[in-house]
Protein backbone atom coordinates (compact mmCIF):
# COMPACT_ATOMS: atom_id res chain seq x y z
CA MET A 1 0.00 0.00 0.00
CA LYS A 2 1.34 3.43 -0.90
CA LYS A 3 2.61 5.48 2.03
CA LYS A 4 1.65 9.09 2.52
CA ASN A 5 3.06 11.51 5.09
CA LEU A 6 0.18 13.08 6.95
CA PRO A 7 0.31 16.30 9.04
CA VAL A 8 0.19 15.97 12.81
CA THR A 9 -2.09 18.37 14.65
CA GLY A 10 -0.56 20.09 17.69
CA HIS A 11 -3.57 21.05 19.77
CA LEU A 12 -3.34 18.08 22.13
CA VAL A 13 0.47 18.35 22.19
CA TRP A 14 0.31 21.87 23.61
CA LYS A 15 -2.37 20.92 26.12
CA LEU A 16 -0.17 18.13 27.46
CA LEU A 17 2.86 20.44 27.48
CA TRP A 18 0.97 23.02 29.55
CA ILE A 19 0.08 20.27 32.01
CA ASN A 20 3.78 19.39 32.30
CA ILE A 21 4.69 23.08 32.73
CA LEU A 22 2.14 23.46 35.52
CA VAL A 23 3.42 20.33 37.27
CA ILE A 24 7.07 21.44 36.97
CA GLY A 25 6.16 24.99 38.09
CA PHE A 26 4.30 23.60 41.10
CA VAL A 27 7.35 21.51 42.06
CA ILE A 28 9.65 24.55 41.72
CA VAL A 29 7.38 26.64 43.95
CA ILE A 30 7.31 23.88 46.59
CA VAL A 31 11.11 23.60 46.50
CA TRP A 32 11.47 27.41 46.68
CA LEU A 33 9.19 27.66 49.72
CA SER A 34 10.89 24.69 51.35
CA ILE A 35 14.27 26.40 51.03
CA ASP A 36 12.91 29.71 52.34
CA TYR A 37 11.09 28.29 55.35
CA LEU A 38 12.91 25.06 56.16
CA ALA A 39 16.47 25.12 54.83
CA ALA A 40 16.98 28.80 55.71
CA ASN A 41 15.64 28.28 59.24
CA TYR A 42 17.78 25.19 59.71
CA PHE A 43 20.79 27.22 58.52
CA MET A 44 19.96 29.91 61.12
CA VAL A 45 19.77 27.30 63.89
CA LEU A 46 23.18 25.92 62.97
CA MET A 47 24.74 29.37 62.89
CA LYS A 48 23.32 30.25 66.30
CA LYS A 49 24.54 26.93 67.67
CA TYR A 50 28.10 27.74 66.69
CA ASN A 51 27.80 31.47 67.61
CA ILE A 52 28.17 32.77 64.08
CA SER A 53 26.70 36.12 63.05
CA THR A 54 23.51 35.40 61.09
CA GLY A 55 22.78 38.70 59.33
CA PRO A 56 24.82 39.05 56.14
CA ILE A 57 25.73 35.36 55.87
CA HIS A 58 22.08 34.30 56.00
CA ASP A 59 21.21 36.79 53.28
CA MET A 60 24.12 35.57 51.14
CA PHE A 61 23.02 31.95 51.63
CA VAL A 62 19.40 32.62 50.67
CA SER A 63 20.43 34.77 47.71
CA ALA A 64 22.87 32.14 46.40
CA VAL A 65 20.34 29.33 46.80
CA HIS A 66 17.67 31.36 45.00
CA ARG A 67 20.06 32.21 42.19
CA TYR A 68 21.13 28.61 41.61
CA LEU A 69 17.56 27.43 42.02
CA ILE A 70 16.40 29.81 39.31
CA TRP A 71 19.07 28.61 36.86
CA ALA A 72 18.47 24.97 37.72
CA SER A 73 14.70 25.43 37.38
CA LEU A 74 14.99 27.17 34.03
CA SER A 75 17.36 24.48 32.74
CA ALA A 76 15.14 21.67 34.03
CA LEU A 77 12.04 23.36 32.62
CA LEU A 78 13.66 23.82 29.19
CA LEU A 79 14.93 20.24 29.11
CA ALA A 80 11.57 18.91 30.29
CA LEU A 81 9.74 20.92 27.63
CA ILE A 82 12.00 19.65 24.83
CA LEU A 83 11.85 16.01 25.94
CA SER A 84 8.11 16.18 26.65
CA PHE A 85 7.40 17.80 23.29
CA LEU A 86 9.37 15.14 21.40
CA LEU A 87 7.87 12.27 23.40
CA ILE A 88 4.30 13.55 23.24
CA LYS A 89 4.59 14.30 19.54
CA ARG A 90 5.92 10.79 18.96
CA VAL A 91 3.08 9.26 20.96
CA LEU A 92 0.31 11.42 19.51
CA GLY A 93 1.62 11.43 15.94
CA PRO A 94 -0.02 8.09 14.99
CA LEU A 95 -3.28 9.20 16.64
CA ALA A 96 -3.35 12.38 14.59
CA GLN A 97 -2.54 10.37 11.48
CA MET A 98 -5.43 8.02 12.25
CA THR A 99 -7.74 11.03 12.26
CA GLU A 100 -6.45 12.05 8.84
CA ILE A 101 -6.73 8.51 7.54
CA THR A 102 -10.34 8.17 8.66
CA ARG A 103 -11.10 11.33 6.68
CA SER A 104 -9.32 9.89 3.65
CA ILE A 105 -11.13 6.56 4.00
CA SER A 106 -14.49 8.30 4.35
CA SER A 107 -13.79 10.01 1.02
CA GLY A 108 -12.86 6.70 -0.63
CA ASP A 109 -9.04 6.92 -0.51
CA TYR A 110 -7.59 3.69 0.95
CA SER A 111 -3.97 4.31 -0.09
CA VAL A 112 -2.81 5.86 3.20
CA SER A 113 -1.28 4.03 6.15
CA ILE A 114 0.41 4.81 9.45
CA PRO A 115 4.19 4.26 9.68
CA ILE A 116 5.07 1.79 12.45
CA ARG A 117 7.80 3.36 14.59
CA SER A 118 7.47 1.35 17.81
CA LYS A 119 6.20 -1.92 19.25
CA ASP A 120 4.43 -0.41 22.25
CA GLU A 121 0.66 0.06 22.68
CA VAL A 122 0.58 2.94 20.19
CA GLY A 123 2.53 0.85 17.67
CA GLN A 124 0.11 -2.06 18.14
CA LEU A 125 -2.80 0.33 17.63
CA ALA A 126 -1.19 1.58 14.42
CA ILE A 127 -0.72 -2.01 13.19
CA ALA A 128 -4.37 -2.81 13.93
CA PHE A 129 -5.49 0.38 12.20
CA ASN A 130 -3.42 -0.43 9.09
CA ARG A 131 -4.95 -3.91 8.98
CA MET A 132 -8.41 -2.39 9.16
CA ALA A 133 -7.55 0.00 6.31
CA ASP A 134 -6.18 -2.92 4.26
CA SER A 135 -9.36 -4.91 4.88
CA LEU A 136 -11.52 -1.99 3.81
CA GLN A 137 -9.42 -1.59 0.69
CA LYS A 138 -9.82 -5.28 -0.14
CA ILE A 139 -13.57 -5.08 0.44
CA GLU A 140 -13.82 -2.02 -1.80
CA ARG A 141 -11.74 -3.74 -4.49
CA LEU A 142 -13.93 -6.83 -4.18
CA ARG A 143 -17.07 -4.71 -4.49
CA LYS A 144 -15.81 -3.04 -7.66
CA THR A 145 -14.66 -6.35 -9.10
CA MET A 146 -17.99 -7.95 -8.30
CA MET A 147 -19.86 -5.14 -10.02
CA ILE A 148 -17.72 -5.64 -13.14
CA ASP A 149 -18.22 -9.41 -13.00
CA VAL A 150 -21.98 -9.10 -12.54
CA ALA A 151 -22.20 -6.67 -15.45
CA HIS A 152 -20.15 -9.07 -17.57
CA GLU A 153 -22.32 -12.05 -16.64
CA LEU A 154 -25.53 -10.13 -17.36
CA ARG A 155 -24.31 -8.72 -20.65
CA THR A 156 -24.09 -12.04 -22.50
CA PRO A 157 -27.68 -13.28 -22.02
CA LEU A 158 -29.07 -9.76 -22.43
CA SER A 159 -27.14 -9.33 -25.69
CA ASN A 160 -28.46 -12.67 -26.92
CA ILE A 161 -32.04 -11.75 -26.05
CA GLN A 162 -31.62 -8.34 -27.70
CA GLY A 163 -30.18 -9.95 -30.83
CA TYR A 164 -33.00 -12.46 -31.17
CA LEU A 165 -35.68 -9.83 -30.52
CA GLU A 166 -34.21 -7.49 -33.15
CA ALA A 167 -33.98 -10.37 -35.60
CA LEU A 168 -37.63 -11.25 -34.91
CA ILE A 169 -38.70 -7.63 -35.41
CA ASP A 170 -36.75 -7.35 -38.68
CA GLY A 171 -38.08 -10.70 -39.90
CA VAL A 172 -34.58 -12.16 -40.21
CA VAL A 173 -35.40 -15.00 -37.80
CA PRO A 174 -38.77 -16.76 -38.03
CA ALA A 175 -41.00 -16.73 -34.96
CA THR A 176 -40.73 -20.48 -34.40
CA ARG A 177 -40.97 -22.55 -31.25
CA GLU A 178 -37.21 -23.10 -31.30
CA THR A 179 -36.56 -19.35 -31.30
CA PHE A 180 -38.83 -18.77 -28.32
CA GLU A 181 -37.22 -21.70 -26.51
CA LEU A 182 -33.82 -20.04 -27.00
CA LEU A 183 -35.21 -16.79 -25.61
CA HIS A 184 -36.71 -18.71 -22.71
CA ASP A 185 -33.37 -20.39 -21.96
CA GLU A 186 -31.56 -17.04 -21.92
CA THR A 187 -34.23 -15.63 -19.62
CA LEU A 188 -33.83 -18.57 -17.24
CA ARG A 189 -30.10 -18.01 -17.31
CA LEU A 190 -30.65 -14.43 -16.18
CA ILE A 191 -33.02 -15.54 -13.43
CA HIS A 192 -30.55 -18.15 -12.16
CA LEU A 193 -27.74 -15.59 -12.15
CA VAL A 194 -29.81 -13.11 -10.15
CA GLU A 195 -30.80 -15.86 -7.71
CA ASP A 196 -27.14 -16.86 -7.30
CA ILE A 197 -26.15 -13.26 -6.58
CA LEU A 198 -28.97 -12.98 -4.03
CA ARG A 199 -27.81 -16.20 -2.32
CA LEU A 200 -24.25 -14.89 -2.27
CA ALA A 201 -25.43 -11.64 -0.66
CA LYS A 202 -27.30 -13.66 1.98
CA ALA A 203 -24.20 -15.78 2.57
CA ASP A 204 -22.18 -12.60 3.16
CA ALA A 205 -24.65 -11.57 5.84
CA ALA A 206 -24.88 -15.05 7.38
CA ARG A 207 -22.39 -14.38 10.18
CA GLY A 208 -24.90 -12.40 12.19
CA SER A 209 -27.97 -14.54 11.48
CA LEU A 210 -27.00 -18.16 12.23
CA ASP A 211 -29.58 -20.39 13.91
CA LEU A 212 -27.16 -22.88 15.45
CA MET A 213 -28.20 -26.33 16.61
CA ASP A 214 -26.85 -29.85 17.05
CA ILE A 215 -26.76 -31.54 13.61
CA LYS A 216 -25.67 -34.94 12.31
CA ILE A 217 -23.55 -34.44 9.18
CA ARG A 218 -24.70 -37.70 7.59
CA ASP A 219 -28.42 -36.80 7.91
CA VAL A 220 -27.95 -33.56 5.97
CA ILE A 221 -25.83 -35.26 3.29
CA GLU A 222 -28.37 -38.04 2.70
CA ARG A 223 -31.26 -35.58 2.56
CA VAL A 224 -29.53 -33.45 -0.07
CA LEU A 225 -28.28 -36.51 -1.97
CA ASP A 226 -31.86 -37.78 -2.31
CA VAL A 227 -32.71 -34.59 -4.22
CA PHE A 228 -29.77 -35.02 -6.63
CA ARG A 229 -29.90 -38.82 -6.98
CA THR A 230 -32.04 -38.75 -10.13
CA GLN A 231 -29.70 -36.26 -11.84
CA PHE A 232 -26.65 -38.38 -11.00
CA GLU A 233 -28.38 -41.54 -12.30
CA THR A 234 -29.39 -39.80 -15.54
CA LYS A 235 -25.74 -38.89 -16.16
CA GLY A 236 -24.57 -42.36 -15.14
CA ILE A 237 -22.55 -41.06 -12.18
CA ASP A 238 -21.92 -43.46 -9.32
CA VAL A 239 -22.22 -41.69 -5.94
CA ASN A 240 -20.68 -43.34 -2.88
CA SER A 241 -21.37 -41.80 0.55
CA THR A 242 -20.54 -44.84 2.71
CA GLY A 243 -17.42 -43.07 3.97
CA VAL A 244 -19.49 -40.53 5.92
CA ASP A 245 -19.28 -41.08 9.68
CA GLY A 246 -22.85 -41.30 10.94
CA THR A 247 -21.93 -40.40 14.52
CA VAL A 248 -20.24 -37.05 13.87
CA ARG A 249 -22.22 -34.01 14.99
CA VAL A 250 -21.62 -30.33 14.40
CA TYR A 251 -23.13 -27.14 15.82
CA ALA A 252 -24.44 -25.36 12.74
CA ASP A 253 -27.34 -23.68 10.99
CA THR A 254 -29.36 -26.44 9.26
CA GLU A 255 -30.54 -24.24 6.39
CA LYS A 256 -27.07 -22.81 5.72
CA LEU A 257 -25.38 -26.21 5.95
CA THR A 258 -27.97 -27.66 3.57
CA GLN A 259 -27.14 -24.87 1.11
CA VAL A 260 -23.46 -25.80 1.39
CA PHE A 261 -24.18 -29.44 0.50
CA ARG A 262 -26.52 -28.47 -2.31
CA ASN A 263 -23.83 -26.30 -3.89
CA LEU A 264 -21.19 -29.00 -3.50
CA MET A 265 -23.54 -31.62 -4.98
CA GLN A 266 -24.31 -29.31 -7.90
CA ASN A 267 -20.60 -28.66 -8.41
CA ALA A 268 -19.83 -32.39 -8.36
CA TYR A 269 -22.67 -33.11 -10.81
CA GLN A 270 -21.57 -30.40 -13.26
CA TYR A 271 -17.88 -31.25 -13.30
CA THR A 272 -18.07 -35.06 -13.28
CA ILE A 273 -18.09 -36.72 -16.70
CA SER A 274 -20.84 -39.18 -17.63
CA GLY A 275 -20.07 -42.58 -16.16
CA GLY A 276 -17.73 -41.04 -13.56
CA THR A 277 -17.74 -41.40 -9.80
CA VAL A 278 -18.35 -39.09 -6.86
CA LYS A 279 -17.17 -40.06 -3.38
CA ILE A 280 -18.37 -38.28 -0.26
CA PHE A 281 -16.53 -39.08 2.94
CA THR A 282 -15.52 -37.58 6.26
CA GLN A 283 -12.28 -37.69 8.23
CA SER A 284 -11.36 -36.40 11.67
CA MET A 285 -8.81 -33.58 11.87
CA ASN A 286 -7.97 -32.97 15.56
CA GLN A 287 -11.09 -31.18 16.89
CA ASP A 288 -12.58 -30.70 13.40
CA ILE A 289 -14.47 -32.90 10.98
CA GLN A 290 -13.51 -32.63 7.31
CA VAL A 291 -16.14 -33.38 4.66
CA VAL A 292 -14.68 -34.25 1.24
CA PHE A 293 -16.34 -34.37 -2.19
CA ALA A 294 -14.05 -36.28 -4.60
CA ASN A 295 -15.03 -36.58 -8.24
CA THR A 296 -13.50 -37.89 -11.44
CA GLY A 297 -13.83 -36.10 -14.72
CA VAL A 298 -12.87 -32.56 -15.63
CA GLU A 299 -9.61 -31.86 -13.83
CA VAL A 300 -8.88 -28.53 -12.23
CA ALA A 301 -5.48 -27.09 -13.09
CA GLU A 302 -3.11 -26.79 -10.13
CA GLU A 303 -2.83 -23.04 -10.65
CA ASP A 304 -6.64 -22.72 -10.47
CA LEU A 305 -7.08 -24.51 -7.12
CA PRO A 306 -6.38 -21.49 -4.87
CA PHE A 307 -9.03 -19.47 -6.71
CA ILE A 308 -11.99 -21.80 -7.25
CA PHE A 309 -13.74 -20.40 -4.15
CA GLU A 310 -13.48 -16.83 -5.47
CA ARG A 311 -16.56 -15.12 -6.87
CA PHE A 312 -17.18 -15.52 -10.61
CA TYR A 313 -13.90 -17.39 -11.00
CA ARG A 314 -13.55 -19.91 -13.81
CA GLY A 315 -10.46 -21.75 -14.92
CA GLU A 316 -9.93 -22.08 -18.64
CA LYS A 317 -10.87 -25.78 -18.66
CA SER A 318 -12.66 -26.83 -15.53
CA ARG A 319 -14.95 -23.86 -14.99
CA SER A 320 -15.99 -22.77 -18.44
CA ARG A 321 -19.50 -21.77 -19.34
CA ASP A 322 -19.92 -25.09 -21.11
CA HIS A 323 -20.55 -26.62 -17.71
CA GLY A 324 -23.01 -23.94 -16.65
CA GLY A 325 -23.01 -21.75 -13.57
CA ALA A 326 -21.66 -18.30 -12.95
CA GLY A 327 -18.79 -19.22 -10.63
CA ILE A 328 -20.75 -18.31 -7.49
CA GLY A 329 -21.62 -21.71 -5.97
CA LEU A 330 -18.28 -22.39 -4.29
CA ALA A 331 -18.00 -18.74 -3.23
CA ILE A 332 -21.27 -19.21 -1.33
CA VAL A 333 -19.85 -22.38 0.25
CA LYS A 334 -16.80 -20.44 1.43
CA GLU A 335 -18.86 -17.62 2.94
CA LEU A 336 -21.23 -19.97 4.78
CA ILE A 337 -18.48 -22.25 6.12
CA GLU A 338 -16.34 -19.34 7.30
CA ALA A 339 -19.45 -17.94 9.02
CA HIS A 340 -19.38 -21.19 11.05
CA ASN A 341 -15.67 -20.67 11.86
CA GLY A 342 -14.75 -23.41 9.39
CA LYS A 343 -12.33 -23.70 6.47
CA VAL A 344 -12.57 -24.70 2.80
CA GLY A 345 -10.03 -26.02 0.35
CA ALA A 346 -9.37 -28.07 -2.79
CA GLN A 347 -6.65 -30.36 -4.07
CA ILE A 348 -5.84 -32.96 -6.71
CA HIS A 349 -5.32 -36.52 -5.45
CA ASN A 350 -4.97 -39.67 -7.58
CA ASP A 351 -6.47 -37.93 -10.65
CA GLU A 352 -9.50 -36.88 -8.60
CA THR A 353 -10.58 -33.39 -7.62
CA TYR A 354 -11.07 -33.06 -3.87
CA VAL A 355 -13.24 -30.17 -2.66
CA TRP A 356 -13.54 -30.10 1.12
CA PHE A 357 -14.63 -28.09 4.12
CA SER A 358 -14.06 -28.54 7.83
CA LEU A 359 -16.12 -27.60 10.88
CA PRO A 360 -15.51 -27.95 14.63
CA ILE A 361 -16.93 -31.20 16.01
CA TYR A 362 -19.80 -30.65 18.42
CA SER A 363 -19.37 -32.18 21.88
CA ALA A 364 -22.25 -31.92 24.33
């Protein structure tokens, strides 16, 4: 992130300096009075004890002490002011910069950051503030990217519909059943895209609206698999879920977890070739349970694996439009699983694509 030097306001600096001046002045006054009333009197007592004339010597003593006290006080005050000013400015500098940065962020500029000059509490605050600014910048970049991606996804079906309608109006294309079926398919594509975007938006907001309860992983998998079983059979795909541990329980939102399995089932169906296999199994990972969807068929390139959970992402081979979808399904899975404090991932193993997620195991 680009660094910018921001001005440091001095209002609070001078307030703190005046407090130091008042404290130092109060100490000087106390010392002055102590010398006048205590040290001078003690000096008089000693002189009387040893029969020494007290008049001129006492005056010389008090005058000398006052003179040296004045010089010492002025020197101490000057040194204290310089050191206090430098220290206070160093401490308050990041705070003043944070004020400037919040103004920049509120106007949409996320390129500023606070230089880290120390590892104390102020330095830790600056680090946390920079992380917050980085997160806001990433969110803003994601928002802009998503808007571009949504516009790109909407443009293709809308252009197709516009082209067919203009051809129908000009009489270039006959008004046949096939033409209207094509228009209907493009319309459905638009509807599905809008529904996917709506589900993604709901997944983003899922962190604050989870209805958590004790759930058996296997029950949810079997319920969702029953819905997709006919589709898998039509494509000749063999689905094996015997590797799912029926005793494992998690603390999750049933509706959100069902959405996760639906998206993973849909992903496995789309990217498994006819006659291929899909294996669903679980494995324990310390205090977590990992659920794995392994399918044969269209392989994901190694360089694509870190990005398949990103919104609207498609690899050149494995996530092309030929397989349908807008590249949102796995992004929804990621948002929902992370809302449950879980993790997602993907890997290639024995010529199979493994897409997995993990959740903490529920223990009553």
